[in-house]
C-alpha atoms as a PDB file:
ATOM      1  CA  UNK A   1      96.750  99.299 101.476  1.00  0.00           C
ATOM      2  CA  UNK A   2      98.041 102.937 101.749  1.00  0.00           C
ATOM      3  CA  UNK A   3      96.755 106.004 103.330  1.00  0.00           C
ATOM      4  CA  UNK A   4      96.057 109.253 101.359  1.00  0.00           C
ATOM      5  CA  UNK A   5      97.770 112.349 102.671  1.00  0.00           C
ATOM      6  CA  UNK A   6      97.879 115.876 101.435  1.00  0.00           C
ATOM      7  CA  UNK A   7     100.953 118.096 101.618  1.00  0.00           C
ATOM      8  CA  UNK A   8     100.158 121.768 100.781  1.00  0.00           C
ATOM      9  CA  UNK A   9     102.263 123.343  97.989  1.00  0.00           C
ATOM     10  CA  UNK A  10     103.941 119.983  97.079  1.00  0.00           C
ATOM     11  CA  UNK A  11     103.437 120.637  93.292  1.00  0.00           C
ATOM     12  CA  UNK A  12     105.231 123.954  93.529  1.00  0.00           C
ATOM     13  CA  UNK A  13     109.006 124.639  93.944  1.00  0.00           C
ATOM     14  CA  UNK A  14     111.639 122.142  95.107  1.00  0.00           C
ATOM     15  CA  UNK A  15     111.004 119.582  97.992  1.00  0.00           C
ATOM     16  CA  UNK A  16     112.844 116.961  99.743  1.00  0.00           C
ATOM     17  CA  UNK A  17     111.264 113.499  99.795  1.00  0.00           C
ATOM     18  CA  UNK A  18     112.509 110.714 101.987  1.00  0.00           C
ATOM     19  CA  UNK A  19     111.942 107.043 102.831  1.00  0.00           C
ATOM     20  CA  UNK A  20     113.087 105.214 105.896  1.00  0.00           C
ATOM     21  CA  UNK A  21     112.986 101.568 105.357  1.00  0.00           C
ATOM     22  CA  UNK A  22     112.712  99.680 108.462  1.00  0.00           C
ATOM     23  CA  UNK A  23     112.411  95.920 108.907  1.00  0.00           C
ATOM     24  CA  UNK A  24     108.779  96.359 110.065  1.00  0.00           C
ATOM     25  CA  UNK A  25     107.491  99.463 108.215  1.00  0.00           C
ATOM     26  CA  UNK A  26     108.192 102.210 105.682  1.00  0.00           C
ATOM     27  CA  UNK A  27     108.119 105.940 106.762  1.00  0.00           C
ATOM     28  CA  UNK A  28     107.758 108.557 104.136  1.00  0.00           C
ATOM     29  CA  UNK A  29     108.863 112.163 104.525  1.00  0.00           C
ATOM     30  CA  UNK A  30     108.158 115.409 102.726  1.00  0.00           C
ATOM     31  CA  UNK A  31     110.525 118.358 103.526  1.00  0.00           C
ATOM     32  CA  UNK A  32     111.726 116.606 106.604  1.00  0.00           C
ATOM     33  CA  UNK A  33     108.200 115.980 108.134  1.00  0.00           C
ATOM     34  CA  UNK A  34     106.753 112.521 108.310  1.00  0.00           C
ATOM     35  CA  UNK A  35     103.877 112.464 105.935  1.00  0.00           C
ATOM     36  CA  UNK A  36     102.859 108.734 105.871  1.00  0.00           C
ATOM     37  CA  UNK A  37     103.896 105.312 107.250  1.00  0.00           C
ATOM     38  CA  UNK A  38     102.884 101.917 106.041  1.00  0.00           C
ATOM     39  CA  UNK A  39     103.102  98.178 107.157  1.00  0.00           C
ATOM     40  CA  UNK A  40     100.438  97.298 104.578  1.00  0.00           C
ATOM     41  CA  UNK A  41     101.468  94.328 102.341  1.00  0.00           C
ATOM     42  CA  UNK A  42     104.582  93.732 104.365  1.00  0.00           C
ATOM     43  CA  UNK A  43     108.082  95.195 104.136  1.00  0.00           C
ATOM     44  CA  UNK A  44     110.568  93.867 101.610  1.00  0.00           C
ATOM     45  CA  UNK A  45     113.625  92.242 103.382  1.00  0.00           C
ATOM     46  CA  UNK A  46     115.856  92.075 100.327  1.00  0.00           C
ATOM     47  CA  UNK A  47     117.814  94.835  98.485  1.00  0.00           C
ATOM     48  CA  UNK A  48     115.922  96.710  95.897  1.00  0.00           C
ATOM     49  CA  UNK A  49     116.586  99.243  93.073  1.00  0.00           C
ATOM     50  CA  UNK A  50     115.402 102.727  93.101  1.00  0.00           C
ATOM     51  CA  UNK A  51     112.833 103.787  90.478  1.00  0.00           C
ATOM     52  CA  UNK A  52     112.094 107.462  90.053  1.00  0.00           C
ATOM     53  CA  UNK A  53     108.747 107.916  88.172  1.00  0.00           C
ATOM     54  CA  UNK A  54     105.728 110.194  87.945  1.00  0.00           C
ATOM     55  CA  UNK A  55     102.907 107.705  88.404  1.00  0.00           C
ATOM     56  CA  UNK A  56      99.377 108.678  87.386  1.00  0.00           C
ATOM     57  CA  UNK A  57      96.335 107.038  89.002  1.00  0.00           C
ATOM     58  CA  UNK A  58      92.866 107.724  90.424  1.00  0.00           C
ATOM     59  CA  UNK A  59      94.482 109.178  93.536  1.00  0.00           C
ATOM     60  CA  UNK A  60      95.790 112.132  91.563  1.00  0.00           C
ATOM     61  CA  UNK A  61      92.406 113.305  90.201  1.00  0.00           C
ATOM     62  CA  UNK A  62      90.792 113.292  86.872  1.00  0.00           C
ATOM     63  CA  UNK A  63      93.413 112.587  84.225  1.00  0.00           C
ATOM     64  CA  UNK A  64      91.290 114.306  81.573  1.00  0.00           C
ATOM     65  CA  UNK A  65      91.825 117.607  83.441  1.00  0.00           C
ATOM     66  CA  UNK A  66      95.663 117.140  83.630  1.00  0.00           C
ATOM     67  CA  UNK A  67      97.960 119.482  81.723  1.00  0.00           C
ATOM     68  CA  UNK A  68     100.074 116.900  79.835  1.00  0.00           C
ATOM     69  CA  UNK A  69     102.766 116.154  79.049  1.00  0.00           C
ATOM     70  CA  UNK A  70     104.115 116.699  82.524  1.00  0.00           C
ATOM     71  CA  UNK A  71     107.646 116.362  84.022  1.00  0.00           C
ATOM     72  CA  UNK A  72     109.573 116.532  87.218  1.00  0.00           C
ATOM     73  CA  UNK A  73     113.203 117.399  87.826  1.00  0.00           C
ATOM     74  CA  UNK A  74     115.481 115.530  90.295  1.00  0.00           C
ATOM     75  CA  UNK A  75     118.495 117.247  91.688  1.00  0.00           C
ATOM     76  CA  UNK A  76     120.040 114.375  93.590  1.00  0.00           C
ATOM     77  CA  UNK A  77     119.260 110.946  95.051  1.00  0.00           C
ATOM     78  CA  UNK A  78     121.286 110.130  98.151  1.00  0.00           C
ATOM     79  CA  UNK A  79     121.077 106.575  99.457  1.00  0.00           C
ATOM     80  CA  UNK A  80     122.389 105.515 102.879  1.00  0.00           C
ATOM     81  CA  UNK A  81     122.742 102.001 104.200  1.00  0.00           C
ATOM     82  CA  UNK A  82     122.123 102.214 107.944  1.00  0.00           C
ATOM     83  CA  UNK A  83     122.141  98.394 108.371  1.00  0.00           C
ATOM     84  CA  UNK A  84     125.552  96.944 109.065  1.00  0.00           C
END
């Protein structure tokens, strides 16, 4: 189970999003500030692929009010392996 959070202005301009994947939890960052952490459902202990997507769900509000089609731009995706 996740936790809802709100980041003011996240839909405008460029932002940096981050994920720190620890053996016991995930930590999510927006513009260098921790926005959310989760241990819910366990933490995957095997390598994974990165999937960039603009998911739509109830958490985003009423889809009927959305201005579609929508898009997002990605400037870069750095990946670091801190486990050695």
